[in-house]
């Protein structure tokens, strides 16, 4: 049974999220502040975290930073804020998805299902001992490590997934909707800002000149491709 951690200070919302997840067969643990939430991450074995932004003691962004030092498991951020900058910040720090309250709980469960399924596929044994090496870039799909000219580059979970997907399909142009479906595992909740943020972050980490990328090329009006 998959285990999900909810870190949410609003008890009523946390209870609703827990009820819907338990009905769908998940084991759920709830914490109501950021400090106890990150303690639970360190002590427990969870498959996904539902993380509120506005938390007492330690806010969701700080909790997310600490989670990413510990694990690459999926993190779904939720918040009452609707500002685009908060969404961009959360995705940039390594969140896998972002929902703004109030949201449809059936959609919430669908996103949880999609992220867990996608993560399982990406970490399955089909990648065992497979390494992609192109123009000084080396991607170890089993160890989930990336090297540029023999120097390791640390990528967030979805940054790695995005790079691996594009590199496994060189010179093929993918629309943003196709990337969302393949990396995030769903089509009905598309948000192009998600792709834009991750491409920008990825370029700053792997490209010597992000404005003139060597690896990930923008095909204007269409999408992106990994060029060789």
Protein backbone atom coordinates (compact mmCIF):
# COMPACT_ATOMS: atom_id res chain seq x y z
CA UNK A 1 0.00 0.00 0.00
CA UNK A 2 1.33 3.42 -0.97
CA UNK A 3 1.96 5.80 1.93
CA UNK A 4 1.20 9.51 1.60
CA UNK A 5 2.19 12.31 3.95
CA UNK A 6 -0.08 15.38 4.14
CA UNK A 7 1.48 18.51 5.67
CA UNK A 8 -1.45 20.93 6.10
CA UNK A 9 -2.28 23.30 8.97
CA UNK A 10 -6.00 23.55 8.14
CA UNK A 11 -7.44 20.52 9.95
CA UNK A 12 -10.67 20.46 7.92
CA UNK A 13 -8.82 20.48 4.59
CA UNK A 14 -6.34 17.87 5.79
CA UNK A 15 -9.19 15.62 6.90
CA UNK A 16 -10.91 15.91 3.51
CA UNK A 17 -7.70 15.14 1.63
CA UNK A 18 -7.03 12.17 3.91
CA UNK A 19 -10.57 10.81 3.51
CA UNK A 20 -10.45 10.95 -0.28
CA UNK A 21 -7.02 9.34 -0.40
CA UNK A 22 -7.95 6.58 2.04
CA UNK A 23 -11.10 5.81 0.04
CA UNK A 24 -8.80 5.31 -2.94
CA UNK A 25 -6.65 2.79 -1.10
CA UNK A 26 -3.79 4.89 0.29
CA UNK A 27 -2.33 4.89 3.78
CA UNK A 28 -2.21 8.51 4.95
CA UNK A 29 -0.32 10.31 7.71
CA UNK A 30 -1.04 13.97 8.56
CA UNK A 31 1.12 16.69 10.14
CA UNK A 32 -0.08 20.23 10.83
CA UNK A 33 3.13 22.31 10.80
CA UNK A 34 6.29 22.44 8.75
CA UNK A 35 8.67 21.33 11.48
CA UNK A 36 6.76 18.19 12.42
CA UNK A 37 6.17 17.59 8.71
CA UNK A 38 9.86 17.44 7.81
CA UNK A 39 10.52 15.31 10.90
CA UNK A 40 7.94 12.84 9.55
CA UNK A 41 9.68 12.83 6.16
CA UNK A 42 13.00 11.95 7.79
CA UNK A 43 11.52 9.25 10.05
CA UNK A 44 8.96 7.64 7.73
CA UNK A 45 8.91 5.84 4.41
CA UNK A 46 6.48 7.79 2.22
CA UNK A 47 5.76 7.55 -1.50
CA UNK A 48 4.38 11.09 -1.99
CA UNK A 49 3.98 14.32 0.00
CA UNK A 50 1.02 16.71 -0.21
CA UNK A 51 2.52 19.98 1.00
CA UNK A 52 0.75 23.22 1.92
CA UNK A 53 2.68 26.46 1.37
CA UNK A 54 1.38 28.53 4.30
CA UNK A 55 2.50 26.49 7.31
CA UNK A 56 3.39 27.49 10.87
CA UNK A 57 6.97 27.11 12.20
CA UNK A 58 8.42 26.30 8.79
CA UNK A 59 6.75 27.30 5.51
CA UNK A 60 6.16 24.93 2.63
CA UNK A 61 9.01 26.27 0.49
CA UNK A 62 11.54 25.61 3.27
CA UNK A 63 10.06 22.16 3.85
CA UNK A 64 10.34 21.44 0.12
CA UNK A 65 14.02 22.39 0.11
CA UNK A 66 14.67 19.96 2.96
CA UNK A 67 12.65 17.20 1.29
CA UNK A 68 14.69 17.52 -1.88
CA UNK A 69 17.90 17.07 0.10
CA UNK A 70 16.47 13.82 1.42
CA UNK A 71 14.34 12.32 -1.37
CA UNK A 72 13.19 12.64 -4.99
CA UNK A 73 9.69 11.29 -4.26
CA UNK A 74 6.79 13.25 -5.80
CA UNK A 75 5.69 16.41 -3.97
CA UNK A 76 2.30 18.00 -4.72
CA UNK A 77 2.10 21.55 -3.36
CA UNK A 78 -1.25 23.12 -2.44
CA UNK A 79 -1.96 26.69 -1.37
CA UNK A 80 -4.64 29.35 -1.04
CA UNK A 81 -2.39 31.74 -2.92
CA UNK A 82 -3.00 32.24 -6.62
CA UNK A 83 0.03 34.38 -7.50
CA UNK A 84 2.00 32.96 -10.43
CA UNK A 85 5.31 33.72 -8.70
CA UNK A 86 4.51 31.27 -5.88
CA UNK A 87 3.77 28.53 -8.39
CA UNK A 88 6.99 29.24 -10.28
CA UNK A 89 8.97 29.25 -7.03
CA UNK A 90 7.51 25.94 -5.91
CA UNK A 91 8.18 24.24 -9.24
CA UNK A 92 11.65 25.75 -9.35
CA UNK A 93 12.47 24.30 -5.93
CA UNK A 94 11.52 20.82 -7.10
CA UNK A 95 7.77 20.43 -6.61
CA UNK A 96 6.21 18.02 -9.09
CA UNK A 97 2.85 19.76 -9.24
CA UNK A 98 0.91 22.70 -7.79
CA UNK A 99 -2.79 23.12 -6.97
CA UNK A 100 -4.56 26.27 -5.77
CA UNK A 101 -7.32 26.04 -3.15
CA UNK A 102 -10.18 25.47 -3.46
CA UNK A 103 -9.72 22.51 -5.79
CA UNK A 104 -11.76 19.54 -6.88
CA UNK A 105 -10.89 16.58 -4.66
CA UNK A 106 -11.43 14.06 -7.44
CA UNK A 107 -8.89 15.97 -9.55
CA UNK A 108 -6.59 16.03 -6.52
CA UNK A 109 -6.72 12.23 -6.23
CA UNK A 110 -6.22 11.88 -10.00
CA UNK A 111 -3.04 13.93 -9.81
CA UNK A 112 -1.76 11.88 -6.89
CA UNK A 113 -2.44 8.68 -8.86
CA UNK A 114 -0.70 10.06 -11.94
CA UNK A 115 2.44 11.16 -10.09
CA UNK A 116 2.81 7.87 -8.24
CA UNK A 117 2.33 5.85 -11.44
CA UNK A 118 4.81 7.99 -13.32
CA UNK A 119 7.39 7.78 -10.55
CA UNK A 120 7.05 3.99 -10.42
CA UNK A 121 7.62 3.72 -14.16
CA UNK A 122 10.63 6.01 -14.12
CA UNK A 123 12.31 4.14 -11.28
CA UNK A 124 11.57 0.64 -12.57
CA UNK A 125 14.26 -1.81 -13.60
CA UNK A 126 13.84 -1.06 -17.31
CA UNK A 127 16.51 1.64 -16.89
CA UNK A 128 19.01 -0.69 -15.23
CA UNK A 129 22.62 -0.14 -16.34
CA UNK A 130 21.52 2.26 -19.06
CA UNK A 131 23.69 5.34 -19.63
CA UNK A 132 23.17 8.04 -22.25
CA UNK A 133 26.32 9.86 -23.34
CA UNK A 134 26.09 12.76 -25.81
CA UNK A 135 28.53 15.62 -26.43
CA UNK A 136 30.02 15.69 -22.94
CA UNK A 137 26.68 15.06 -21.25
CA UNK A 138 26.29 11.74 -19.40
CA UNK A 139 22.98 10.58 -17.94
CA UNK A 140 22.96 7.51 -15.70
CA UNK A 141 19.32 6.42 -15.78
CA UNK A 142 19.63 3.81 -13.03
CA UNK A 143 21.51 5.99 -10.53
CA UNK A 144 19.63 9.12 -11.68
CA UNK A 145 22.86 11.10 -11.92
CA UNK A 146 23.99 13.62 -14.54
CA UNK A 147 27.53 14.69 -15.48
CA UNK A 148 28.73 17.52 -17.71
CA UNK A 149 32.34 17.00 -18.85
CA UNK A 150 32.78 14.55 -15.94
CA UNK A 151 31.48 17.09 -13.36
CA UNK A 152 28.28 16.03 -11.60
CA UNK A 153 25.25 18.31 -11.86
CA UNK A 154 22.53 18.00 -9.23
CA UNK A 155 19.03 17.99 -10.72
CA UNK A 156 15.62 18.05 -9.10
CA UNK A 157 13.39 15.03 -9.65
CA UNK A 158 11.36 16.35 -12.56
CA UNK A 159 14.38 18.12 -14.09
CA UNK A 160 16.07 14.73 -14.36
CA UNK A 161 12.93 13.10 -15.79
CA UNK A 162 12.59 15.85 -18.38
CA UNK A 163 16.23 15.66 -19.45
CA UNK A 164 16.18 11.85 -19.66
CA UNK A 165 12.97 11.84 -21.71
CA UNK A 166 14.28 14.34 -24.25
CA UNK A 167 17.73 12.73 -24.46
CA UNK A 168 16.19 9.30 -25.12
CA UNK A 169 14.36 10.83 -28.08
CA UNK A 170 17.04 13.00 -29.73
CA UNK A 171 16.14 15.41 -32.55
CA UNK A 172 12.43 14.79 -32.05
CA UNK A 173 10.28 17.84 -31.36
CA UNK A 174 7.80 17.52 -28.48
CA UNK A 175 4.91 19.87 -27.81
CA UNK A 176 4.52 21.06 -24.22
CA UNK A 177 1.35 18.98 -23.89
CA UNK A 178 3.27 15.85 -24.95
CA UNK A 179 5.98 16.54 -22.38
CA UNK A 180 3.41 17.04 -19.63
CA UNK A 181 1.76 13.75 -20.51
CA UNK A 182 5.03 11.81 -20.58
CA UNK A 183 6.70 13.36 -17.52
CA UNK A 184 3.78 14.32 -15.28
CA UNK A 185 1.53 11.50 -16.47
CA UNK A 186 -1.64 13.40 -17.32
CA UNK A 187 -3.13 15.47 -20.14
CA UNK A 188 -6.25 17.03 -18.63
CA UNK A 189 -4.44 19.29 -16.14
CA UNK A 190 -1.95 20.89 -18.53
CA UNK A 191 -0.14 24.06 -17.55
CA UNK A 192 2.53 25.29 -19.93
CA UNK A 193 4.21 27.33 -17.18
CA UNK A 194 5.30 24.04 -15.61
CA UNK A 195 7.36 23.13 -18.68
CA UNK A 196 8.77 26.63 -19.11
CA UNK A 197 10.01 26.73 -15.51
CA UNK A 198 11.66 23.31 -15.68
CA UNK A 199 13.33 23.96 -19.05
CA UNK A 200 14.76 27.25 -17.75
CA UNK A 201 16.08 25.65 -14.56
CA UNK A 202 17.51 22.70 -16.49
CA UNK A 203 19.32 24.92 -18.98
CA UNK A 204 20.94 26.94 -16.22
CA UNK A 205 22.32 23.70 -14.77
CA UNK A 206 23.55 21.88 -17.89
CA UNK A 207 24.24 24.60 -20.46
CA UNK A 208 27.39 26.74 -20.53
CA UNK A 209 25.33 29.46 -22.20
CA UNK A 210 21.62 29.03 -21.35
CA UNK A 211 20.68 31.73 -23.88
CA UNK A 212 22.29 29.67 -26.66
CA UNK A 213 21.60 26.10 -25.54
CA UNK A 214 23.77 23.25 -26.74
CA UNK A 215 21.40 20.47 -25.76
CA UNK A 216 17.76 21.53 -25.33
CA UNK A 217 16.56 23.61 -28.26
CA UNK A 218 13.37 25.65 -28.44
CA UNK A 219 11.40 25.16 -31.64
CA UNK A 220 9.35 28.34 -31.62
CA UNK A 221 5.64 27.84 -31.87
CA UNK A 222 5.98 24.08 -31.46
CA UNK A 223 7.95 22.89 -28.42
CA UNK A 224 11.39 21.53 -27.53
CA UNK A 225 13.90 18.98 -28.78
CA UNK A 226 17.20 17.50 -27.64
CA UNK A 227 19.64 18.15 -30.45
CA UNK A 228 22.65 16.05 -31.36
